[in-house]
Amino acid sequence: MADQADIGVFGLAVMGANLARNAARHGFGVALFNRNHERTDELMAEHGGEGRFFPARALPDFIASIAKPRPILIMVKAGPPVDEVIDELMPHLEAGDIIIDGGNSLFTDTARRYETCEAKKIRFVGMGVSGGEEGALEGPSMMPGGDREAWDRIAPMLTKMAAQVDGVPCCTYIGPQGAGHYVKMVHNGIEYADMQLIAEAYDLMKSVYGLGAPAMADIFLAWKQGDLDSYLIEITAAVLRKMDKSGKPLVDVILDEAEQKGTGRWTAQNALELGVPLTAITEAVYARVLSANRAMRLTMEKKTPHPAPPALKPERAAIDAIRDALYASKIIAYAQGFEQMSIASAQFKWNLRLGDMATIWRGGCIIRARFLDRIKEAYERDAKLDNLLLDDYFLQAVVKAESAWRQVIALAVANGVPTPAFSSSLAYYDGLRRARGPANLLQGLRDYFGAHTYRRLDKEGSFHTRWSQDGSEVKV
């Protein structure tokens, strides 16, 4: 029998090309197809010697070159292009063949595609891939969900291609239907929050203490030696250290408008649907939206002039307080994200193993961090942990940082420096730690104008007061 590829890759932009090279470097035969044949030719010309590639210009030739049951990894833009490729592939596939969507697809789209393919006896896998172009080549974190038998077929390849931490691959089967893309969506939401928190720490050091980018680079590098050790902290130091050709720090000449591709917004929207208080991630999304409205911000700055914050002396204790506030807020962001996955798992009957999520995020992905080992350990202690703050390690870490956290937010408010992620994280913590909050008044108001009823502390059942009538209370 002629030599055949172990896997096909449809779509050879940066991520697709690098995953194809990754597979080839690990000894797997890789079939290549791109509608623009020049991309295929370029990959072969530049990297064809890295392994066994099977380039094809015609789709039937591409599919025929893959060993059965054929696994085909689609690496195209999320949305309608994925459906278009699936429709294009279907006439050429046989029962048992496997389609893997490796893009950032919305999990509900993945569930729909899973059912469509299942009806045609084609196995479908929705797989989140994190790590960017470098991770795709050197070893990403991969989150495959969907057909379990398809996972058994592709696992030997994916687990070798993935990043490895302590000999454990950063890839495991996540769950049925859209579970893989759901977990990647929440991963990206946490990434939004993590980045926003870092940006707020940077803003405080710059706006309140007058620190320049090189000095802040040194601070972030020092923070990397402790509990905040992470890829994002590492690259923050690198970005702050980079100098522009003009002689200024590059970060100082970059436009302050943040873009987004939608996964953070999806995470926040789904949290609302599930009833999860996802404050840190949602505020991070809003902060990006606000940053994009630069014209209005420029107008408002002229209409509402404020004196610049005084450049306070950056005492060591003050910088340490920002570090502690950052760490406490980071814990909140992860606690909320993991709670969202827990509730979604129960809602959709996915049986997610949350400790596995922490394990596969330790390497390859954008949010990889020492911190994830602590999360992994928390779920080893209690696999059904409802919230990370119920674990002694994380609760003690937040309590220890609480005083500094409050001081930092008070400093930000006093000096007009917005810290929406810091502030909302503290508000969430304060709300969560109170056995009795003010929602009793909300229920009274709702019952007054809408007869929505309320429950009492001292009696069973639901009640309604005839507020604007005789004032009597009735059980309903």
Protein backbone atom coordinates (compact mmCIF):
# COMPACT_ATOMS: atom_id res chain seq x y z
CA MET A 1 0.00 0.00 0.00
CA ALA A 2 1.31 3.43 -0.92
CA ASP A 3 2.47 5.73 1.88
CA GLN A 4 -0.37 7.83 3.24
CA ALA A 5 -0.77 10.79 5.56
CA ASP A 6 -1.88 10.34 9.16
CA ILE A 7 -3.80 13.61 9.21
CA GLY A 8 -4.91 16.30 6.77
CA VAL A 9 -4.81 20.05 7.36
CA PHE A 10 -7.25 22.22 5.40
CA GLY A 11 -6.26 25.89 5.69
CA LEU A 12 -2.61 26.90 5.76
CA ALA A 13 -2.55 30.38 7.25
CA VAL A 14 -0.11 30.82 10.13
CA MET A 15 -1.90 28.59 12.67
CA GLY A 16 -2.75 25.84 10.18
CA ALA A 17 0.72 25.82 8.67
CA ASN A 18 2.40 25.68 12.07
CA LEU A 19 0.19 22.86 13.32
CA ALA A 20 0.95 20.96 10.11
CA ARG A 21 4.68 21.47 10.68
CA ASN A 22 4.28 20.45 14.32
CA ALA A 23 2.66 17.15 13.33
CA ALA A 24 5.32 16.48 10.68
CA ARG A 25 8.13 17.19 13.14
CA HIS A 26 6.68 14.51 15.39
CA GLY A 27 6.86 11.93 12.63
CA PHE A 28 3.31 12.04 11.32
CA GLY A 29 2.47 12.25 7.64
CA VAL A 30 0.52 15.43 6.92
CA ALA A 31 -1.70 16.07 3.89
CA LEU A 32 -1.88 19.76 2.93
CA PHE A 33 -4.61 21.71 1.21
CA ASN A 34 -5.32 25.40 0.81
CA ARG A 35 -7.69 27.02 -1.66
CA ASN A 36 -4.91 29.46 -2.51
CA HIS A 37 -2.30 27.00 -3.75
CA GLU A 38 0.49 29.52 -3.26
CA ARG A 39 0.33 28.95 0.51
CA THR A 40 0.86 25.23 0.00
CA ASP A 41 3.76 25.89 -2.34
CA GLU A 42 5.33 28.34 0.13
CA LEU A 43 5.08 25.89 3.01
CA MET A 44 6.70 23.14 0.96
CA ALA A 45 9.44 25.44 -0.32
CA GLU A 46 10.34 26.74 3.14
CA HIS A 47 9.64 23.76 5.38
CA GLY A 48 9.12 20.72 3.18
CA GLY A 49 12.21 19.07 4.65
CA GLU A 50 10.76 18.97 8.17
CA GLY A 51 8.80 15.77 7.62
CA ARG A 52 6.43 13.80 5.42
CA PHE A 53 4.09 16.20 3.67
CA PHE A 54 1.49 15.32 1.05
CA PRO A 55 0.62 18.55 -0.78
CA ALA A 56 -2.46 18.54 -2.97
CA ARG A 57 -4.03 21.04 -5.36
CA ALA A 58 -7.34 19.23 -5.78
CA LEU A 59 -9.63 18.35 -2.86
CA PRO A 60 -10.21 14.70 -3.94
CA ASP A 61 -6.44 14.17 -4.10
CA PHE A 62 -6.03 15.72 -0.65
CA ILE A 63 -8.64 13.40 0.88
CA ALA A 64 -7.37 10.32 -0.94
CA SER A 65 -3.89 10.87 0.47
CA ILE A 66 -5.05 10.42 4.10
CA ALA A 67 -5.21 6.99 5.77
CA LYS A 68 -8.69 5.83 6.81
CA PRO A 69 -10.55 6.72 8.92
CA ARG A 70 -9.40 10.12 7.71
CA PRO A 71 -8.83 12.87 10.32
CA ILE A 72 -9.03 16.31 8.69
CA LEU A 73 -8.14 19.42 10.69
CA ILE A 74 -9.94 22.55 9.50
CA MET A 75 -8.02 25.76 10.22
CA VAL A 76 -10.16 28.53 8.76
CA LYS A 77 -11.86 31.63 10.17
CA ALA A 78 -14.66 30.84 12.63
CA GLY A 79 -18.24 31.26 11.49
CA PRO A 80 -19.70 30.59 8.02
CA PRO A 81 -16.29 29.64 6.51
CA VAL A 82 -16.26 26.52 8.72
CA ASP A 83 -19.67 25.46 7.44
CA GLU A 84 -18.56 26.12 3.88
CA VAL A 85 -15.52 23.85 4.28
CA ILE A 86 -17.61 21.10 5.90
CA ASP A 87 -20.08 21.27 2.99
CA GLU A 88 -17.16 21.11 0.57
CA LEU A 89 -15.64 18.06 2.28
CA MET A 90 -18.81 16.03 2.82
CA PRO A 91 -19.27 14.58 -0.70
CA HIS A 92 -15.75 13.14 -0.55
CA LEU A 93 -15.88 11.58 2.93
CA GLU A 94 -16.85 8.10 4.08
CA ALA A 95 -18.55 6.87 7.24
CA GLY A 96 -16.17 7.08 10.18
CA ASP A 97 -14.03 9.90 8.77
CA ILE A 98 -13.25 12.70 11.22
CA ILE A 99 -13.59 16.47 10.84
CA ILE A 100 -11.72 18.55 13.44
CA ASP A 101 -12.51 22.26 13.72
CA GLY A 102 -9.43 23.84 15.30
CA GLY A 103 -10.61 27.46 15.15
CA ASN A 104 -12.28 29.66 17.76
CA SER A 105 -15.83 28.57 16.97
CA LEU A 106 -18.80 29.39 19.18
CA PHE A 107 -19.66 26.23 21.13
CA THR A 108 -23.32 26.26 20.03
CA ASP A 109 -22.16 26.22 16.38
CA THR A 110 -19.93 23.26 17.25
CA ALA A 111 -22.86 21.38 18.80
CA ARG A 112 -24.92 22.00 15.66
CA ARG A 113 -22.11 20.80 13.39
CA TYR A 114 -21.61 17.74 15.57
CA GLU A 115 -25.25 16.74 15.08
CA THR A 116 -25.14 17.45 11.33
CA CYS A 117 -22.05 15.30 10.89
CA GLU A 118 -23.36 12.55 13.16
CA ALA A 119 -26.48 12.24 10.98
CA LYS A 120 -24.15 11.56 8.03
CA LYS A 121 -21.99 9.12 10.03
CA ILE A 122 -19.08 11.55 10.03
CA ARG A 123 -17.34 12.12 13.36
CA PHE A 124 -16.89 15.70 14.45
CA VAL A 125 -14.43 17.21 16.92
CA GLY A 126 -14.49 20.86 18.04
CA MET A 127 -11.03 21.63 19.35
CA GLY A 128 -9.82 24.79 21.06
CA VAL A 129 -6.15 25.54 20.39
CA SER A 130 -4.25 28.02 22.56
CA GLY A 131 -0.72 29.30 22.27
CA GLY A 132 -0.70 31.48 19.18
CA GLU A 133 1.56 30.82 16.25
CA GLU A 134 4.55 29.90 18.43
CA GLY A 135 2.49 27.45 20.46
CA ALA A 136 1.02 25.89 17.32
CA LEU A 137 4.53 25.06 16.16
CA GLU A 138 6.32 24.26 19.39
CA GLY A 139 3.44 22.73 21.34
CA PRO A 140 0.05 24.28 22.12
CA SER A 141 -2.59 23.53 24.71
CA MET A 142 -5.40 21.70 22.91
CA MET A 143 -8.97 21.19 24.09
CA PRO A 144 -10.75 18.62 21.88
CA GLY A 145 -14.41 17.82 22.44
CA GLY A 146 -17.00 15.92 20.47
CA ASP A 147 -17.00 12.32 19.27
CA ARG A 148 -15.21 10.12 21.83
CA GLU A 149 -14.22 7.45 19.30
CA ALA A 150 -12.72 10.16 17.12
CA TRP A 151 -10.60 11.23 20.11
CA ASP A 152 -9.29 7.67 20.44
CA ARG A 153 -8.16 7.85 16.80
CA ILE A 154 -6.44 11.24 17.01
CA ALA A 155 -5.15 11.13 20.60
CA PRO A 156 -1.76 9.56 19.73
CA MET A 157 -1.06 12.51 17.42
CA LEU A 158 -2.48 15.35 19.49
CA THR A 159 -0.84 14.30 22.74
CA LYS A 160 2.56 14.29 21.04
CA MET A 161 1.96 17.64 19.33
CA ALA A 162 0.82 19.32 22.55
CA ALA A 163 3.04 21.12 25.04
CA GLN A 164 4.37 18.85 27.79
CA VAL A 165 4.60 19.79 31.49
CA ASP A 166 6.19 17.32 33.90
CA GLY A 167 5.78 14.65 31.24
CA VAL A 168 2.02 15.31 30.96
CA PRO A 169 0.62 16.49 27.60
CA CYS A 170 -1.39 19.71 27.63
CA CYS A 171 -4.22 17.99 25.79
CA THR A 172 -7.02 15.72 26.93
CA TYR A 173 -10.54 14.81 25.87
CA ILE A 174 -12.82 17.53 27.25
CA GLY A 175 -16.34 16.24 26.71
CA PRO A 176 -19.11 15.69 24.15
CA GLN A 177 -20.46 18.01 21.45
CA GLY A 178 -19.35 21.62 22.00
CA ALA A 179 -17.46 21.08 25.27
CA GLY A 180 -14.00 21.62 23.77
CA HIS A 181 -14.83 24.96 22.22
CA TYR A 182 -16.74 25.98 25.36
CA VAL A 183 -13.67 25.44 27.54
CA LYS A 184 -11.53 27.35 25.03
CA MET A 185 -14.07 30.18 25.14
CA VAL A 186 -13.82 30.42 28.93
CA HIS A 187 -10.02 30.15 28.67
CA ASN A 188 -10.09 33.19 26.41
CA GLY A 189 -12.41 35.02 28.78
CA ILE A 190 -9.98 34.43 31.64
CA GLU A 191 -7.22 35.65 29.33
CA TYR A 192 -9.17 38.90 28.81
CA ALA A 193 -9.44 39.40 32.58
CA ASP A 194 -5.79 38.52 33.21
CA MET A 195 -4.60 41.02 30.60
CA GLN A 196 -6.95 43.75 31.86
CA LEU A 197 -5.70 43.29 35.43
CA ILE A 198 -2.10 43.59 34.24
CA ALA A 199 -3.02 46.73 32.29
CA GLU A 200 -4.61 48.26 35.39
CA ALA A 201 -1.51 47.54 37.47
CA TYR A 202 0.57 49.20 34.73
CA ASP A 203 -1.77 52.20 34.64
CA LEU A 204 -1.52 52.70 38.39
CA MET A 205 2.26 52.57 38.38
CA LYS A 206 2.40 54.95 35.43
CA SER A 207 -0.36 57.41 36.38
CA VAL A 208 -0.02 57.57 40.16
CA TYR A 209 3.68 56.90 40.64
CA GLY A 210 5.01 58.29 37.38
CA LEU A 211 7.05 55.20 36.55
CA GLY A 212 8.43 54.78 33.06
CA ALA A 213 8.18 51.64 30.95
CA PRO A 214 11.76 50.38 31.65
CA ALA A 215 11.25 50.68 35.41
CA MET A 216 7.93 48.86 35.18
CA ALA A 217 9.55 46.14 33.07
CA ASP A 218 11.91 45.47 35.96
CA ILE A 219 8.99 45.31 38.40
CA PHE A 220 7.01 42.83 36.30
CA LEU A 221 10.14 40.72 35.85
CA ALA A 222 10.56 40.65 39.63
CA TRP A 223 6.91 39.68 40.06
CA LYS A 224 7.52 36.72 37.76
CA GLN A 225 9.73 35.21 40.44
CA GLY A 226 6.77 34.81 42.82
CA ASP A 227 3.14 33.71 42.78
CA LEU A 228 2.44 35.82 39.68
CA ASP A 229 4.87 33.78 37.56
CA SER A 230 3.14 33.44 34.19
CA TYR A 231 3.59 33.83 30.46
CA LEU A 232 1.56 37.05 30.43
CA ILE A 233 3.69 38.63 33.17
CA GLU A 234 6.81 37.57 31.28
CA ILE A 235 5.73 39.12 27.99
CA THR A 236 4.47 42.25 29.78
CA ALA A 237 8.05 42.85 30.89
CA ALA A 238 9.26 42.23 27.33
CA VAL A 239 6.71 44.64 25.81
CA LEU A 240 7.57 47.36 28.33
CA ARG A 241 11.29 46.94 27.67
CA LYS A 242 11.02 47.25 23.87
CA MET A 243 12.30 50.59 22.54
CA ASP A 244 10.98 52.30 19.43
CA LYS A 245 13.22 53.69 16.68
CA SER A 246 12.29 57.15 17.97
CA GLY A 247 14.09 56.34 21.22
CA LYS A 248 10.85 56.10 23.21
CA PRO A 249 9.47 52.89 24.73
CA LEU A 250 7.37 51.28 22.01
CA VAL A 251 4.40 50.91 24.39
CA ASP A 252 4.24 54.71 24.70
CA VAL A 253 3.60 55.15 20.98
CA ILE A 254 1.06 52.35 20.57
CA LEU A 255 -2.53 53.57 20.15
CA ASP A 256 -4.62 52.84 23.24
CA GLU A 257 -7.45 51.06 21.43
CA ALA A 258 -7.81 47.35 22.24
CA GLU A 259 -9.34 45.01 19.69
CA GLN A 260 -11.18 41.74 20.30
CA LYS A 261 -12.32 38.73 18.29
CA GLY A 262 -15.45 37.89 20.26
CA THR A 263 -14.57 35.03 22.61
CA GLY A 264 -14.51 37.26 25.69
CA ARG A 265 -17.90 38.70 24.75
CA TRP A 266 -19.30 35.19 24.22
CA THR A 267 -18.03 34.17 27.66
CA ALA A 268 -19.78 37.11 29.32
CA GLN A 269 -23.00 36.54 27.37
CA ASN A 270 -23.10 32.87 28.31
CA ALA A 271 -22.42 33.71 31.96
CA LEU A 272 -25.53 35.91 31.94
CA GLU A 273 -27.55 33.05 30.45
CA LEU A 274 -26.27 30.64 33.12
CA GLY A 275 -26.61 33.14 35.96
CA VAL A 276 -22.90 33.20 36.83
CA PRO A 277 -21.53 36.51 38.25
CA LEU A 278 -18.61 36.81 35.85
CA THR A 279 -17.62 40.32 36.87
CA ALA A 280 -13.87 40.39 36.14
CA ILE A 281 -14.13 38.98 32.62
CA THR A 282 -17.16 41.10 31.76
CA GLU A 283 -15.45 44.29 32.95
CA ALA A 284 -12.42 43.36 30.85
CA VAL A 285 -14.66 43.11 27.79
CA TYR A 286 -16.28 46.47 28.60
CA ALA A 287 -12.85 48.06 29.07
CA ARG A 288 -11.87 47.02 25.54
CA VAL A 289 -15.13 48.40 24.19
CA LEU A 290 -14.55 51.71 25.97
CA SER A 291 -10.95 51.88 24.74
CA ALA A 292 -12.17 51.53 21.16
CA ASN A 293 -14.32 54.66 21.52
CA ARG A 294 -11.30 56.93 21.38
CA ALA A 295 -13.01 59.89 19.71
CA MET A 296 -15.49 60.21 22.56
CA ARG A 297 -12.71 59.81 25.13
CA LEU A 298 -10.74 62.64 23.54
CA THR A 299 -13.83 64.87 23.63
CA MET A 300 -14.61 63.99 27.24
CA GLU A 301 -11.04 64.72 28.31
CA LYS A 302 -11.43 68.27 27.00
CA LYS A 303 -14.86 68.76 28.55
CA THR A 304 -14.00 67.30 31.97
CA PRO A 305 -10.43 68.39 32.72
CA HIS A 306 -8.89 66.88 35.82
CA PRO A 307 -5.51 67.69 37.30
CA ALA A 308 -2.96 64.99 36.69
CA PRO A 309 -2.43 62.70 39.69
CA PRO A 310 0.59 63.72 41.73
CA ALA A 311 3.63 61.60 40.99
CA LEU A 312 3.85 59.97 44.39
CA LYS A 313 7.08 58.37 45.45
CA PRO A 314 6.91 54.70 44.47
CA GLU A 315 7.81 53.16 47.82
CA ARG A 316 8.47 49.43 47.82
CA ALA A 317 5.38 48.83 49.97
CA ALA A 318 3.18 50.69 47.48
CA ILE A 319 4.40 48.59 44.55
CA ASP A 320 4.00 45.42 46.60
CA ALA A 321 0.41 46.44 47.32
CA ILE A 322 -0.33 46.65 43.58
CA ARG A 323 1.21 43.20 43.17
CA ASP A 324 -1.01 41.80 45.93
CA ALA A 325 -4.11 43.44 44.47
CA LEU A 326 -3.24 41.96 41.08
CA TYR A 327 -2.85 38.48 42.55
CA ALA A 328 -6.10 38.65 44.55
CA SER A 329 -8.03 39.91 41.52
CA LYS A 330 -6.48 37.19 39.37
CA ILE A 331 -7.74 34.55 41.81
CA ILE A 332 -11.24 36.02 41.50
CA ALA A 333 -11.13 35.95 37.69
CA TYR A 334 -10.12 32.29 37.65
CA ALA A 335 -12.61 31.39 40.38
CA GLN A 336 -15.40 32.91 38.30
CA GLY A 337 -14.26 31.22 35.09
CA PHE A 338 -14.01 27.80 36.73
CA GLU A 339 -17.42 28.27 38.37
CA GLN A 340 -18.86 29.05 34.94
CA MET A 341 -17.40 25.83 33.52
CA SER A 342 -18.78 23.88 36.49
CA ILE A 343 -22.31 25.23 36.01
CA ALA A 344 -22.15 24.75 32.23
CA SER A 345 -21.00 21.16 32.76
CA ALA A 346 -24.06 20.44 34.87
CA GLN A 347 -26.38 22.34 32.52
CA PHE A 348 -25.20 20.55 29.36
CA LYS A 349 -24.35 17.21 31.03
CA TRP A 350 -20.70 17.32 29.92
CA ASN A 351 -19.11 15.95 33.09
CA LEU A 352 -16.13 18.29 32.79
CA ARG A 353 -13.13 17.40 34.96
CA LEU A 354 -12.05 20.87 36.06
CA GLY A 355 -8.73 19.67 37.42
CA ASP A 356 -7.89 18.53 33.89
CA MET A 357 -8.52 22.05 32.59
CA ALA A 358 -5.95 23.45 35.00
CA THR A 359 -3.54 20.67 34.03
CA ILE A 360 -3.68 21.25 30.28
CA TRP A 361 -3.45 25.04 30.68
CA ARG A 362 -0.09 24.81 32.46
CA GLY A 363 1.85 24.80 29.20
CA GLY A 364 1.49 25.98 25.62
CA CYS A 365 -1.43 28.34 26.20
CA ILE A 366 -1.53 32.10 26.74
CA ILE A 367 -2.66 31.88 30.38
CA ARG A 368 -0.05 29.30 31.39
CA ALA A 369 1.18 30.06 34.87
CA ARG A 370 2.61 28.58 38.07
CA PHE A 371 -0.75 29.51 39.59
CA LEU A 372 -2.46 26.71 37.62
CA ASP A 373 -0.62 24.08 39.64
CA ARG A 374 -2.42 25.42 42.70
CA ILE A 375 -5.77 25.12 40.90
CA LYS A 376 -4.95 21.56 39.85
CA GLU A 377 -4.15 20.72 43.49
CA ALA A 378 -7.41 22.32 44.67
CA TYR A 379 -9.44 20.03 42.42
CA GLU A 380 -7.37 17.05 43.51
CA ARG A 381 -8.46 17.86 47.06
CA ASP A 382 -12.09 18.27 46.01
CA ALA A 383 -13.10 17.33 42.46
CA LYS A 384 -16.55 18.91 42.98
CA LEU A 385 -15.30 22.21 44.41
CA ASP A 386 -18.02 24.81 43.74
CA ASN A 387 -15.71 27.83 43.86
CA LEU A 388 -11.94 28.18 44.18
CA LEU A 389 -12.46 30.59 47.08
CA LEU A 390 -13.80 27.66 49.10
CA ASP A 391 -10.34 26.07 48.91
CA ASP A 392 -8.14 27.03 51.86
CA TYR A 393 -5.12 27.95 49.71
CA PHE A 394 -7.00 30.49 47.61
CA LEU A 395 -9.12 31.84 50.44
CA GLN A 396 -6.04 32.46 52.58
CA ALA A 397 -4.25 34.10 49.65
CA VAL A 398 -7.13 36.54 49.13
CA VAL A 399 -7.53 37.28 52.83
CA LYS A 400 -3.79 37.95 53.08
CA ALA A 401 -3.96 40.40 50.15
CA GLU A 402 -7.24 42.03 51.19
CA SER A 403 -5.84 45.06 53.00
CA ALA A 404 -3.48 45.95 50.14
CA TRP A 405 -6.26 45.31 47.62
CA ARG A 406 -8.53 47.84 49.32
CA GLN A 407 -5.73 50.40 49.62
CA VAL A 408 -4.88 50.13 45.94
CA ILE A 409 -8.49 50.58 44.80
CA ALA A 410 -8.94 53.54 47.16
CA LEU A 411 -5.75 55.05 45.72
CA ALA A 412 -7.07 54.54 42.18
CA VAL A 413 -10.43 56.15 42.98
CA ALA A 414 -8.79 59.10 44.74
CA ASN A 415 -6.60 59.77 41.71
CA GLY A 416 -9.15 59.16 38.96
CA VAL A 417 -7.48 56.04 37.58
CA PRO A 418 -10.11 53.53 36.38
CA THR A 419 -9.62 50.00 37.68
CA PRO A 420 -12.80 48.20 36.64
CA ALA A 421 -11.39 44.67 36.89
CA PHE A 422 -9.67 45.28 40.24
CA SER A 423 -12.77 46.99 41.65
CA SER A 424 -15.35 44.51 40.39
CA SER A 425 -13.24 41.61 41.67
CA LEU A 426 -13.19 43.10 45.16
CA ALA A 427 -16.92 43.83 45.00
CA TYR A 428 -17.55 40.18 44.04
CA TYR A 429 -15.43 38.99 46.97
CA ASP A 430 -17.22 41.33 49.36
CA GLY A 431 -20.59 40.16 48.07
CA LEU A 432 -19.64 36.50 48.30
CA ARG A 433 -18.33 36.67 51.85
CA ARG A 434 -21.54 38.21 53.27
CA ALA A 435 -24.16 35.83 54.56
CA ARG A 436 -26.80 38.56 54.23
CA GLY A 437 -26.75 41.27 51.58
CA PRO A 438 -29.24 43.93 50.43
CA ALA A 439 -31.23 41.75 48.00
CA ASN A 440 -34.05 41.59 50.56
CA LEU A 441 -34.83 45.21 49.67
CA LEU A 442 -34.74 44.35 45.97
CA GLN A 443 -37.29 41.62 46.56
CA GLY A 444 -39.51 44.04 48.47
CA LEU A 445 -39.36 46.53 45.60
CA ARG A 446 -40.08 43.84 43.01
CA ASP A 447 -43.05 42.66 44.99
CA TYR A 448 -44.35 46.23 45.38
CA PHE A 449 -44.43 47.13 41.68
CA GLY A 450 -44.85 43.69 40.12
CA ALA A 451 -46.28 41.32 42.73
CA HIS A 452 -43.27 39.08 42.16
CA THR A 453 -43.51 37.68 45.72
CA TYR A 454 -40.76 37.11 48.25
CA ARG A 455 -39.70 34.46 50.75
CA ARG A 456 -39.17 35.02 54.47
CA LEU A 457 -36.42 34.02 56.86
CA ASP A 458 -38.88 32.82 59.49
CA LYS A 459 -41.53 30.99 57.44
CA GLU A 460 -41.73 28.53 54.57
CA GLY A 461 -43.32 29.43 51.24
CA SER A 462 -43.74 32.54 49.08
CA PHE A 463 -45.52 35.71 50.12
CA HIS A 464 -46.99 38.89 48.65
CA THR A 465 -47.82 42.12 50.45
CA ARG A 466 -50.71 44.28 49.23
CA TRP A 467 -48.49 47.33 49.47
CA SER A 468 -50.78 49.97 47.97
CA GLN A 469 -54.01 48.38 49.19
CA ASP A 470 -54.55 47.33 52.82
CA GLY A 471 -50.90 46.45 53.49
CA SER A 472 -51.72 42.89 54.45
CA GLU A 473 -49.43 39.96 53.67
CA VAL A 474 -50.77 36.85 51.93
CA LYS A 475 -49.14 33.50 51.31
CA VAL A 476 -49.18 32.53 47.64
